[in-house]
Amino acid sequence: MTNASRVVAIVVGLTVALGIASHAQEPTFRAGTRIVPIVATVTDAERRLVPGLEKPDFSLLDNGKPQEIGFFESEVTPFTVVVMLDTSASMTGSLELLNRATEQFLMRMLPADKGQVGAFNDKIQFSGHFTHDRDDLIGALRDLQFGNPTRLYDAIWESMATLDGVAGRKVVLVFTDGDDTSSKRGLGDVMKRAQADEVMVYAIGLESEYFNGRQRVRSQPDRGLKKLADETGGGYFQLRKTDDLGPTFSRVAQELHSQYTLGFSPAVLDGREHKLELKVNKPGFAARARKSYIASKE
C-alpha cells in the first residue's frame, strides 16, 4: 500500500469505525465532523521512541472523562510541513551550519511528505509552494535572507496560514535563537490558531552569543515556544551549541515518522475548548500529544 493510499484508508477507517458520513472527494479528519484526531509520540525513560503499541495500551480523557478510542493507527502517515528558520542578525555566523542541519531534516522526508522552507527576521519569506522534491527544498535554503528584528510569532502565524486548505497532518517546524522582538501577533494568537487549525508545532531553540556591534550579547529562545509545542503535541528542543543542530533536526524527522494516530467521537459539541489527556497504560512510557481541542458545532 502506498503512503497516499494509507491516508485514504485512515480516513475511511475513521468514518466506518465511528459511523460518520464523509464526502469521498473531500476527506476530513477534524473535530468539526465529530472526529477528534490525536497524533501521539511515545517515549521511554531514556527518551527513546517506542514502537509496537496497540489501542488497549492507551487511555484518553476529555475534560477528565474517559473516552472510547474509536480509531487507532500505528502506520507511517504523510505530513505537510513548513520549516521556518530564524535568520536575524544573531545567526549571521551560523547560517551555513543551520542550513546543513535543516538539510538533515529535508533529506529524511518520505516521498509522500510535502514541505516548503521559509525564513524570518524583519521580513517573513517562503520558498513559494509545497513540494515533494527534496532537492528543490534544499536549494531554496540558499535563497533565504538576513535581517535584524525577530518576528517569531508572526512567522509561525504566517506558516500556519500557508497550511490552510491542506489535508492530513499539518506541521510547523520553527528554529530560533532569541526572543520575539517585533511581531504583531502574540503567543496567545498563535496558540488559538494552532488549536483551531489542528497544526502540530515543533520548535528548536538555540542559546547563542553574538556581537551586536557594541558588545557581546547572550540570547535565549523565546519561552513561549515550549508551551506552544507542548499544547499542540509537537516537541521542544533547547540547545546550547550549534553542533547539536543536525542530530536534533534529524530527531524531529524520526519522530514524525514514528507516531500513533488515534481518533474519538466527542459526546458533546458545545463549541468550547476541551482539555485532552492521553496516557500510556504501561509503566515507564509517556505520550506526547495535543492537550486540547475545540468541540466545534460545524
C-alpha atoms as a PDB file:
ATOM      1  CA  MET A   1       0.000   0.000   0.000  1.00  0.00           C
ATOM      2  CA  THR A   2       1.371   3.454  -0.859  1.00  0.00           C
ATOM      3  CA  ASN A   3       1.506   6.258   1.714  1.00  0.00           C
ATOM      4  CA  ALA A   4      -1.197   8.137  -0.232  1.00  0.00           C
ATOM      5  CA  SER A   5      -3.437   5.056  -0.179  1.00  0.00           C
ATOM      6  CA  ARG A   6      -2.779   4.631   3.517  1.00  0.00           C
ATOM      7  CA  VAL A   7      -4.038   8.171   4.250  1.00  0.00           C
ATOM      8  CA  VAL A   8      -7.269   7.397   2.384  1.00  0.00           C
ATOM      9  CA  ALA A   9      -7.564   4.152   4.334  1.00  0.00           C
ATOM     10  CA  ILE A  10      -7.147   6.011   7.613  1.00  0.00           C
ATOM     11  CA  VAL A  11      -9.929   8.448   6.780  1.00  0.00           C
ATOM     12  CA  VAL A  12     -12.231   5.655   5.578  1.00  0.00           C
ATOM     13  CA  GLY A  13     -11.406   3.653   8.692  1.00  0.00           C
ATOM     14  CA  LEU A  14     -12.359   6.585  10.881  1.00  0.00           C
ATOM     15  CA  THR A  15     -15.633   7.013   9.037  1.00  0.00           C
ATOM     16  CA  VAL A  16     -16.555   3.348   9.376  1.00  0.00           C
ATOM     17  CA  ALA A  17     -15.329   2.955  12.942  1.00  0.00           C
ATOM     18  CA  LEU A  18     -17.213   5.967  14.222  1.00  0.00           C
ATOM     19  CA  GLY A  19     -20.244   5.867  11.924  1.00  0.00           C
ATOM     20  CA  ILE A  20     -19.652   9.296  10.427  1.00  0.00           C
ATOM     21  CA  ALA A  21     -20.652  10.099   6.846  1.00  0.00           C
ATOM     22  CA  SER A  22     -17.982  11.796   4.754  1.00  0.00           C
ATOM     23  CA  HIS A  23     -17.663  13.091   1.183  1.00  0.00           C
ATOM     24  CA  ALA A  24     -15.117  10.919  -0.630  1.00  0.00           C
ATOM     25  CA  GLN A  25     -13.725  13.827  -2.628  1.00  0.00           C
ATOM     26  CA  GLU A  26     -13.063  15.876   0.498  1.00  0.00           C
ATOM     27  CA  PRO A  27     -11.898  13.536   3.275  1.00  0.00           C
ATOM     28  CA  THR A  28     -11.709  15.270   6.640  1.00  0.00           C
ATOM     29  CA  PHE A  29     -10.134  14.427   9.956  1.00  0.00           C
ATOM     30  CA  ARG A  30     -11.343  17.222  12.236  1.00  0.00           C
ATOM     31  CA  ALA A  31     -13.299  17.811  15.420  1.00  0.00           C
ATOM     32  CA  GLY A  32     -15.916  19.654  13.338  1.00  0.00           C
ATOM     33  CA  THR A  33     -17.000  16.363  11.760  1.00  0.00           C
ATOM     34  CA  ARG A  34     -17.306  14.748  15.204  1.00  0.00           C
ATOM     35  CA  ILE A  35     -13.899  13.166  14.832  1.00  0.00           C
ATOM     36  CA  VAL A  36     -11.061  14.429  17.012  1.00  0.00           C
ATOM     37  CA  PRO A  37      -7.646  13.341  15.699  1.00  0.00           C
ATOM     38  CA  ILE A  38      -4.801  12.855  18.148  1.00  0.00           C
ATOM     39  CA  VAL A  39      -1.254  12.253  16.935  1.00  0.00           C
ATOM     40  CA  ALA A  40       0.967  10.906  19.702  1.00  0.00           C
ATOM     41  CA  THR A  41       4.692  10.439  20.211  1.00  0.00           C
ATOM     42  CA  VAL A  42       5.553   7.795  22.808  1.00  0.00           C
ATOM     43  CA  THR A  43       8.943   7.657  24.518  1.00  0.00           C
ATOM     44  CA  ASP A  44      10.513   5.653  27.325  1.00  0.00           C
ATOM     45  CA  ALA A  45      12.501   6.949  30.297  1.00  0.00           C
ATOM     46  CA  GLU A  46      15.583   7.348  28.073  1.00  0.00           C
ATOM     47  CA  ARG A  47      13.629   9.419  25.506  1.00  0.00           C
ATOM     48  CA  ARG A  48      13.770   6.567  23.010  1.00  0.00           C
ATOM     49  CA  LEU A  49      10.814   6.228  20.660  1.00  0.00           C
ATOM     50  CA  VAL A  50       8.510   3.318  21.496  1.00  0.00           C
ATOM     51  CA  PRO A  51       7.054   1.290  18.595  1.00  0.00           C
ATOM     52  CA  GLY A  52       4.632  -1.622  18.628  1.00  0.00           C
ATOM     53  CA  LEU A  53       1.911  -0.336  20.969  1.00  0.00           C
ATOM     54  CA  GLU A  54      -1.752  -1.237  20.438  1.00  0.00           C
ATOM     55  CA  LYS A  55      -5.029   0.583  21.111  1.00  0.00           C
ATOM     56  CA  PRO A  56      -5.562  -1.022  24.565  1.00  0.00           C
ATOM     57  CA  ASP A  57      -2.209   0.444  25.629  1.00  0.00           C
ATOM     58  CA  PHE A  58      -3.710   3.956  25.616  1.00  0.00           C
ATOM     59  CA  SER A  59      -6.261   5.775  27.782  1.00  0.00           C
ATOM     60  CA  LEU A  60      -7.890   9.070  26.805  1.00  0.00           C
ATOM     61  CA  LEU A  61      -9.649  11.711  28.908  1.00  0.00           C
ATOM     62  CA  ASP A  62     -11.829  14.553  27.563  1.00  0.00           C
ATOM     63  CA  ASN A  63     -12.303  17.194  30.274  1.00  0.00           C
ATOM     64  CA  GLY A  64     -11.405  14.469  32.766  1.00  0.00           C
ATOM     65  CA  LYS A  65     -13.911  11.932  31.455  1.00  0.00           C
ATOM     66  CA  PRO A  66     -12.722   8.624  29.944  1.00  0.00           C
ATOM     67  CA  GLN A  67     -13.323   8.277  26.202  1.00  0.00           C
ATOM     68  CA  GLU A  68     -13.540   5.288  23.907  1.00  0.00           C
ATOM     69  CA  ILE A  69     -10.763   5.367  21.321  1.00  0.00           C
ATOM     70  CA  GLY A  70     -12.683   4.591  18.136  1.00  0.00           C
ATOM     71  CA  PHE A  71      -9.733   4.604  15.779  1.00  0.00           C
ATOM     72  CA  PHE A  72      -6.110   3.579  16.124  1.00  0.00           C
ATOM     73  CA  GLU A  73      -3.294   3.561  13.553  1.00  0.00           C
ATOM     74  CA  SER A  74       0.424   2.971  14.044  1.00  0.00           C
ATOM     75  CA  GLU A  75       1.482   3.107  10.395  1.00  0.00           C
ATOM     76  CA  VAL A  76       3.598   5.933   8.956  1.00  0.00           C
ATOM     77  CA  THR A  77       1.329   8.644   7.523  1.00  0.00           C
ATOM     78  CA  PRO A  78       2.435  11.573   5.322  1.00  0.00           C
ATOM     79  CA  PHE A  79       2.684  15.130   6.609  1.00  0.00           C
ATOM     80  CA  THR A  80       2.889  18.624   5.152  1.00  0.00           C
ATOM     81  CA  VAL A  81       5.467  20.824   6.865  1.00  0.00           C
ATOM     82  CA  VAL A  82       6.662  24.421   6.879  1.00  0.00           C
ATOM     83  CA  VAL A  83      10.278  24.667   8.053  1.00  0.00           C
ATOM     84  CA  MET A  84      10.714  28.238   9.329  1.00  0.00           C
ATOM     85  CA  LEU A  85      14.224  29.453  10.217  1.00  0.00           C
ATOM     86  CA  ASP A  86      15.408  32.463  12.216  1.00  0.00           C
ATOM     87  CA  THR A  87      17.871  34.394  10.023  1.00  0.00           C
ATOM     88  CA  SER A  88      18.114  37.519  12.183  1.00  0.00           C
ATOM     89  CA  ALA A  89      21.469  39.194  12.834  1.00  0.00           C
ATOM     90  CA  SER A  90      22.401  36.910  15.724  1.00  0.00           C
ATOM     91  CA  MET A  91      22.529  33.949  13.309  1.00  0.00           C
ATOM     92  CA  THR A  92      24.906  35.603  10.829  1.00  0.00           C
ATOM     93  CA  GLY A  93      27.875  33.422  11.745  1.00  0.00           C
ATOM     94  CA  SER A  94      25.882  30.202  11.968  1.00  0.00           C
ATOM     95  CA  LEU A  95      23.619  30.239   8.917  1.00  0.00           C
ATOM     96  CA  GLU A  96      25.672  27.720   6.945  1.00  0.00           C
ATOM     97  CA  LEU A  97      25.589  25.281   9.839  1.00  0.00           C
ATOM     98  CA  LEU A  98      21.848  25.863  10.259  1.00  0.00           C
ATOM     99  CA  ASN A  99      21.275  25.184   6.568  1.00  0.00           C
ATOM    100  CA  ARG A 100      23.213  21.919   6.747  1.00  0.00           C
ATOM    101  CA  ALA A 101      21.217  20.852   9.801  1.00  0.00           C
ATOM    102  CA  THR A 102      17.953  21.699   8.046  1.00  0.00           C
ATOM    103  CA  GLU A 103      19.067  19.561   5.109  1.00  0.00           C
ATOM    104  CA  GLN A 104      19.229  16.603   7.502  1.00  0.00           C
ATOM    105  CA  PHE A 105      15.509  17.016   8.134  1.00  0.00           C
ATOM    106  CA  LEU A 106      14.604  17.575   4.479  1.00  0.00           C
ATOM    107  CA  MET A 107      16.579  14.561   3.275  1.00  0.00           C
ATOM    108  CA  ARG A 108      14.623  12.357   5.691  1.00  0.00           C
ATOM    109  CA  MET A 109      11.247  13.355   4.302  1.00  0.00           C
ATOM    110  CA  LEU A 110       9.484  10.434   2.610  1.00  0.00           C
ATOM    111  CA  PRO A 111       8.206  10.629  -0.988  1.00  0.00           C
ATOM    112  CA  ALA A 112       4.620  11.276   0.156  1.00  0.00           C
ATOM    113  CA  ASP A 113       5.620  14.083   2.547  1.00  0.00           C
ATOM    114  CA  LYS A 114       5.416  17.686   1.321  1.00  0.00           C
ATOM    115  CA  GLY A 115       7.074  20.845   2.559  1.00  0.00           C
ATOM    116  CA  GLN A 116       8.330  24.302   1.985  1.00  0.00           C
ATOM    117  CA  VAL A 117      11.013  26.328   3.722  1.00  0.00           C
ATOM    118  CA  GLY A 118      10.991  29.884   4.975  1.00  0.00           C
ATOM    119  CA  ALA A 119      12.908  32.458   6.983  1.00  0.00           C
ATOM    120  CA  PHE A 120      12.039  35.271   9.320  1.00  0.00           C
ATOM    121  CA  ASN A 121      13.795  38.390  10.616  1.00  0.00           C
ATOM    122  CA  ASP A 122      12.283  41.819   9.951  1.00  0.00           C
ATOM    123  CA  LYS A 123      10.676  40.098   6.941  1.00  0.00           C
ATOM    124  CA  ILE A 124       8.915  36.765   6.508  1.00  0.00           C
ATOM    125  CA  GLN A 125       9.894  34.744   3.453  1.00  0.00           C
ATOM    126  CA  PHE A 126       8.660  31.439   1.983  1.00  0.00           C
ATOM    127  CA  SER A 127      10.030  29.272  -0.801  1.00  0.00           C
ATOM    128  CA  GLY A 128       6.672  29.613  -2.532  1.00  0.00           C
ATOM    129  CA  HIS A 129       4.871  26.261  -2.766  1.00  0.00           C
ATOM    130  CA  PHE A 130       4.642  22.848  -1.167  1.00  0.00           C
ATOM    131  CA  THR A 131       6.618  20.153  -2.920  1.00  0.00           C
ATOM    132  CA  HIS A 132       7.715  16.533  -2.574  1.00  0.00           C
ATOM    133  CA  ASP A 133      11.058  17.423  -4.228  1.00  0.00           C
ATOM    134  CA  ARG A 134      13.716  17.419  -1.515  1.00  0.00           C
ATOM    135  CA  ASP A 135      16.350  18.839  -3.881  1.00  0.00           C
ATOM    136  CA  ASP A 136      14.143  21.866  -4.564  1.00  0.00           C
ATOM    137  CA  LEU A 137      13.641  22.405  -0.840  1.00  0.00           C
ATOM    138  CA  ILE A 138      17.367  22.151  -0.102  1.00  0.00           C
ATOM    139  CA  GLY A 139      18.121  24.529  -2.966  1.00  0.00           C
ATOM    140  CA  ALA A 140      15.634  27.057  -1.586  1.00  0.00           C
ATOM    141  CA  LEU A 141      17.651  27.306   1.625  1.00  0.00           C
ATOM    142  CA  ARG A 142      20.344  29.231  -0.293  1.00  0.00           C
ATOM    143  CA  ASP A 143      17.852  31.989  -1.108  1.00  0.00           C
ATOM    144  CA  LEU A 144      16.965  32.817   2.496  1.00  0.00           C
ATOM    145  CA  GLN A 145      17.864  36.362   3.516  1.00  0.00           C
ATOM    146  CA  PHE A 146      19.240  38.036   6.648  1.00  0.00           C
ATOM    147  CA  GLY A 147      17.548  40.803   8.627  1.00  0.00           C
ATOM    148  CA  ASN A 148      17.648  42.333  12.078  1.00  0.00           C
ATOM    149  CA  PRO A 149      14.495  42.166  14.265  1.00  0.00           C
ATOM    150  CA  THR A 150      12.928  38.790  15.077  1.00  0.00           C
ATOM    151  CA  ARG A 151       9.260  38.377  14.056  1.00  0.00           C
ATOM    152  CA  LEU A 152       8.940  34.928  15.596  1.00  0.00           C
ATOM    153  CA  TYR A 153       5.199  34.709  16.266  1.00  0.00           C
ATOM    154  CA  ASP A 154       4.271  36.492  13.037  1.00  0.00           C
ATOM    155  CA  ALA A 155       6.369  33.867  11.230  1.00  0.00           C
ATOM    156  CA  ILE A 156       4.588  30.958  12.928  1.00  0.00           C
ATOM    157  CA  TRP A 157       1.218  32.586  12.218  1.00  0.00           C
ATOM    158  CA  GLU A 158       2.041  33.037   8.532  1.00  0.00           C
ATOM    159  CA  SER A 159       3.378  29.471   8.364  1.00  0.00           C
ATOM    160  CA  MET A 160       0.048  28.171   9.613  1.00  0.00           C
ATOM    161  CA  ALA A 161      -1.729  30.380   7.059  1.00  0.00           C
ATOM    162  CA  THR A 162       0.124  28.626   4.229  1.00  0.00           C
ATOM    163  CA  LEU A 163      -1.292  25.324   5.539  1.00  0.00           C
ATOM    164  CA  ASP A 164      -4.910  26.478   5.159  1.00  0.00           C
ATOM    165  CA  GLY A 165      -6.778  24.003   2.994  1.00  0.00           C
ATOM    166  CA  VAL A 166      -4.093  21.327   3.303  1.00  0.00           C
ATOM    167  CA  ALA A 167      -5.498  17.873   4.051  1.00  0.00           C
ATOM    168  CA  GLY A 168      -3.899  15.461   6.506  1.00  0.00           C
ATOM    169  CA  ARG A 169      -1.222  16.127   9.108  1.00  0.00           C
ATOM    170  CA  LYS A 170      -0.005  19.729   9.263  1.00  0.00           C
ATOM    171  CA  VAL A 171       3.303  20.618  10.928  1.00  0.00           C
ATOM    172  CA  VAL A 172       5.311  23.782  11.539  1.00  0.00           C
ATOM    173  CA  LEU A 173       8.969  23.272  12.450  1.00  0.00           C
ATOM    174  CA  VAL A 174      10.454  26.543  13.699  1.00  0.00           C
ATOM    175  CA  PHE A 175      14.030  27.346  14.712  1.00  0.00           C
ATOM    176  CA  THR A 176      15.147  30.441  16.641  1.00  0.00           C
ATOM    177  CA  ASP A 177      17.946  31.606  18.897  1.00  0.00           C
ATOM    178  CA  GLY A 178      16.142  34.513  20.548  1.00  0.00           C
ATOM    179  CA  ASP A 179      13.020  36.253  21.796  1.00  0.00           C
ATOM    180  CA  ASP A 180      10.347  37.721  19.605  1.00  0.00           C
ATOM    181  CA  THR A 181      11.166  41.417  19.180  1.00  0.00           C
ATOM    182  CA  SER A 182       8.710  42.889  16.666  1.00  0.00           C
ATOM    183  CA  SER A 183       5.704  40.670  15.932  1.00  0.00           C
ATOM    184  CA  LYS A 184       2.177  41.984  15.669  1.00  0.00           C
ATOM    185  CA  ARG A 185       0.859  38.588  16.718  1.00  0.00           C
ATOM    186  CA  GLY A 186       1.464  37.184  20.181  1.00  0.00           C
ATOM    187  CA  LEU A 187       1.742  33.727  21.699  1.00  0.00           C
ATOM    188  CA  GLY A 188      -1.961  33.669  22.563  1.00  0.00           C
ATOM    189  CA  ASP A 189      -2.984  34.417  18.965  1.00  0.00           C
ATOM    190  CA  VAL A 190      -0.707  31.704  17.603  1.00  0.00           C
ATOM    191  CA  MET A 191      -1.866  29.194  20.218  1.00  0.00           C
ATOM    192  CA  LYS A 192      -5.517  29.717  19.327  1.00  0.00           C
ATOM    193  CA  ARG A 193      -4.871  29.362  15.607  1.00  0.00           C
ATOM    194  CA  ALA A 194      -2.806  26.207  16.063  1.00  0.00           C
ATOM    195  CA  GLN A 195      -5.613  24.750  18.146  1.00  0.00           C
ATOM    196  CA  ALA A 196      -8.353  25.708  15.676  1.00  0.00           C
ATOM    197  CA  ASP A 197      -6.394  24.612  12.583  1.00  0.00           C
ATOM    198  CA  GLU A 198      -5.027  21.452  14.240  1.00  0.00           C
ATOM    199  CA  VAL A 199      -1.398  22.258  13.454  1.00  0.00           C
ATOM    200  CA  MET A 200       1.410  20.483  15.301  1.00  0.00           C
ATOM    201  CA  VAL A 201       4.320  22.795  16.190  1.00  0.00           C
ATOM    202  CA  TYR A 202       7.864  21.588  16.686  1.00  0.00           C
ATOM    203  CA  ALA A 203      10.365  24.142  17.974  1.00  0.00           C
ATOM    204  CA  ILE A 204      14.158  24.127  18.224  1.00  0.00           C
ATOM    205  CA  GLY A 205      15.668  26.851  20.382  1.00  0.00           C
ATOM    206  CA  LEU A 206      19.376  27.680  20.483  1.00  0.00           C
ATOM    207  CA  GLU A 207      21.133  29.555  23.258  1.00  0.00           C
ATOM    208  CA  SER A 208      23.638  31.784  21.474  1.00  0.00           C
ATOM    209  CA  GLU A 209      26.232  34.516  21.968  1.00  0.00           C
ATOM    210  CA  TYR A 210      26.989  37.138  19.337  1.00  0.00           C
ATOM    211  CA  PHE A 211      28.371  40.665  18.840  1.00  0.00           C
ATOM    212  CA  ASN A 212      25.639  43.241  18.196  1.00  0.00           C
ATOM    213  CA  GLY A 213      28.026  45.975  17.050  1.00  0.00           C
ATOM    214  CA  ARG A 214      28.676  47.299  20.547  1.00  0.00           C
ATOM    215  CA  GLN A 215      29.070  44.330  22.879  1.00  0.00           C
ATOM    216  CA  ARG A 216      28.789  40.580  23.264  1.00  0.00           C
ATOM    217  CA  VAL A 217      25.182  39.532  23.806  1.00  0.00           C
ATOM    218  CA  ARG A 218      23.743  36.258  25.059  1.00  0.00           C
ATOM    219  CA  SER A 219      20.339  35.263  23.724  1.00  0.00           C
ATOM    220  CA  GLN A 220      17.771  32.771  24.950  1.00  0.00           C
ATOM    221  CA  PRO A 221      14.991  31.181  22.874  1.00  0.00           C
ATOM    222  CA  ASP A 222      11.543  32.632  23.484  1.00  0.00           C
ATOM    223  CA  ARG A 223       9.969  30.919  26.495  1.00  0.00           C
ATOM    224  CA  GLY A 224       6.591  30.648  24.811  1.00  0.00           C
ATOM    225  CA  LEU A 225       7.879  28.137  22.270  1.00  0.00           C
ATOM    226  CA  LYS A 226       7.898  25.239  24.718  1.00  0.00           C
ATOM    227  CA  LYS A 227       4.336  25.999  25.764  1.00  0.00           C
ATOM    228  CA  LEU A 228       3.227  26.133  22.135  1.00  0.00           C
ATOM    229  CA  ALA A 229       4.928  22.839  21.284  1.00  0.00           C
ATOM    230  CA  ASP A 230       3.522  21.134  24.394  1.00  0.00           C
ATOM    231  CA  GLU A 231      -0.010  22.321  23.723  1.00  0.00           C
ATOM    232  CA  THR A 232      -0.054  21.162  20.088  1.00  0.00           C
ATOM    233  CA  GLY A 233       1.604  17.794  20.692  1.00  0.00           C
ATOM    234  CA  GLY A 234       4.845  18.658  18.949  1.00  0.00           C
ATOM    235  CA  GLY A 235       8.262  18.705  20.582  1.00  0.00           C
ATOM    236  CA  TYR A 236      10.569  21.349  22.007  1.00  0.00           C
ATOM    237  CA  PHE A 237      14.360  21.062  21.976  1.00  0.00           C
ATOM    238  CA  GLN A 238      16.607  23.673  23.604  1.00  0.00           C
ATOM    239  CA  LEU A 239      20.243  23.509  22.556  1.00  0.00           C
ATOM    240  CA  ARG A 240      23.402  25.118  23.863  1.00  0.00           C
ATOM    241  CA  LYS A 241      25.696  24.657  20.871  1.00  0.00           C
ATOM    242  CA  THR A 242      25.333  24.626  17.112  1.00  0.00           C
ATOM    243  CA  ASP A 243      26.908  21.166  16.904  1.00  0.00           C
ATOM    244  CA  ASP A 244      23.627  19.752  18.208  1.00  0.00           C
ATOM    245  CA  LEU A 245      21.550  21.166  15.356  1.00  0.00           C
ATOM    246  CA  GLY A 246      21.970  18.331  12.850  1.00  0.00           C
ATOM    247  CA  PRO A 247      21.017  15.487  15.210  1.00  0.00           C
ATOM    248  CA  THR A 248      18.053  17.482  16.520  1.00  0.00           C
ATOM    249  CA  PHE A 249      16.597  18.205  13.077  1.00  0.00           C
ATOM    250  CA  SER A 250      17.068  14.504  12.282  1.00  0.00           C
ATOM    251  CA  ARG A 251      15.265  13.570  15.513  1.00  0.00           C
ATOM    252  CA  VAL A 252      12.231  15.634  14.512  1.00  0.00           C
ATOM    253  CA  ALA A 253      12.005  13.771  11.192  1.00  0.00           C
ATOM    254  CA  GLN A 254      12.313  10.461  13.019  1.00  0.00           C
ATOM    255  CA  GLU A 255       9.506  11.380  15.423  1.00  0.00           C
ATOM    256  CA  LEU A 256       7.168  12.462  12.631  1.00  0.00           C
ATOM    257  CA  HIS A 257       7.584   9.033  11.047  1.00  0.00           C
ATOM    258  CA  SER A 258       7.151   7.135  14.336  1.00  0.00           C
ATOM    259  CA  GLN A 259       3.860   8.445  15.700  1.00  0.00           C
ATOM    260  CA  TYR A 260       0.499   6.913  16.566  1.00  0.00           C
ATOM    261  CA  THR A 261      -2.788   8.299  15.251  1.00  0.00           C
ATOM    262  CA  LEU A 262      -5.888   7.962  17.415  1.00  0.00           C
ATOM    263  CA  GLY A 263      -9.434   9.225  16.983  1.00  0.00           C
ATOM    264  CA  PHE A 264     -12.547   9.537  19.125  1.00  0.00           C
ATOM    265  CA  SER A 265     -16.066  10.896  18.778  1.00  0.00           C
ATOM    266  CA  PRO A 266     -16.843  13.574  21.402  1.00  0.00           C
ATOM    267  CA  ALA A 267     -20.111  13.137  23.252  1.00  0.00           C
ATOM    268  CA  VAL A 268     -20.790  16.896  23.428  1.00  0.00           C
ATOM    269  CA  LEU A 269     -20.240  19.535  20.737  1.00  0.00           C
ATOM    270  CA  ASP A 270     -20.625  22.711  22.780  1.00  0.00           C
ATOM    271  CA  GLY A 271     -18.286  24.966  20.800  1.00  0.00           C
ATOM    272  CA  ARG A 272     -15.931  25.244  23.756  1.00  0.00           C
ATOM    273  CA  GLU A 273     -12.340  24.328  24.422  1.00  0.00           C
ATOM    274  CA  HIS A 274     -11.954  20.842  25.870  1.00  0.00           C
ATOM    275  CA  LYS A 275      -8.867  19.558  27.648  1.00  0.00           C
ATOM    276  CA  LEU A 276      -7.376  16.282  26.468  1.00  0.00           C
ATOM    277  CA  GLU A 277      -5.112  13.906  28.332  1.00  0.00           C
ATOM    278  CA  LEU A 278      -3.597  10.873  26.649  1.00  0.00           C
ATOM    279  CA  LYS A 279      -1.889   8.249  28.802  1.00  0.00           C
ATOM    280  CA  VAL A 280       0.059   5.073  28.095  1.00  0.00           C
ATOM    281  CA  ASN A 281      -1.060   2.164  30.261  1.00  0.00           C
ATOM    282  CA  LYS A 282       2.446   0.832  30.694  1.00  0.00           C
ATOM    283  CA  PRO A 283       4.997   1.911  33.303  1.00  0.00           C
ATOM    284  CA  GLY A 284       7.930   3.987  32.114  1.00  0.00           C
ATOM    285  CA  PHE A 285       6.261   5.191  28.901  1.00  0.00           C
ATOM    286  CA  ALA A 286       4.985   8.718  28.242  1.00  0.00           C
ATOM    287  CA  ALA A 287       2.776  10.027  25.435  1.00  0.00           C
ATOM    288  CA  ARG A 288       3.171  13.500  23.965  1.00  0.00           C
ATOM    289  CA  ALA A 289       0.024  14.705  22.184  1.00  0.00           C
ATOM    290  CA  ARG A 290      -2.235  17.734  21.787  1.00  0.00           C
ATOM    291  CA  LYS A 291      -3.699  18.925  25.064  1.00  0.00           C
ATOM    292  CA  SER A 292      -6.962  20.463  23.834  1.00  0.00           C
ATOM    293  CA  TYR A 293      -9.458  20.826  21.013  1.00  0.00           C
ATOM    294  CA  ILE A 294     -12.491  22.920  20.145  1.00  0.00           C
ATOM    295  CA  ALA A 295     -15.710  20.917  20.290  1.00  0.00           C
ATOM    296  CA  SER A 296     -16.992  22.546  17.117  1.00  0.00           C
ATOM    297  CA  LYS A 297     -20.657  22.506  16.087  1.00  0.00           C
ATOM    298  CA  GLU A 298     -19.783  22.659  12.361  1.00  0.00           C
END
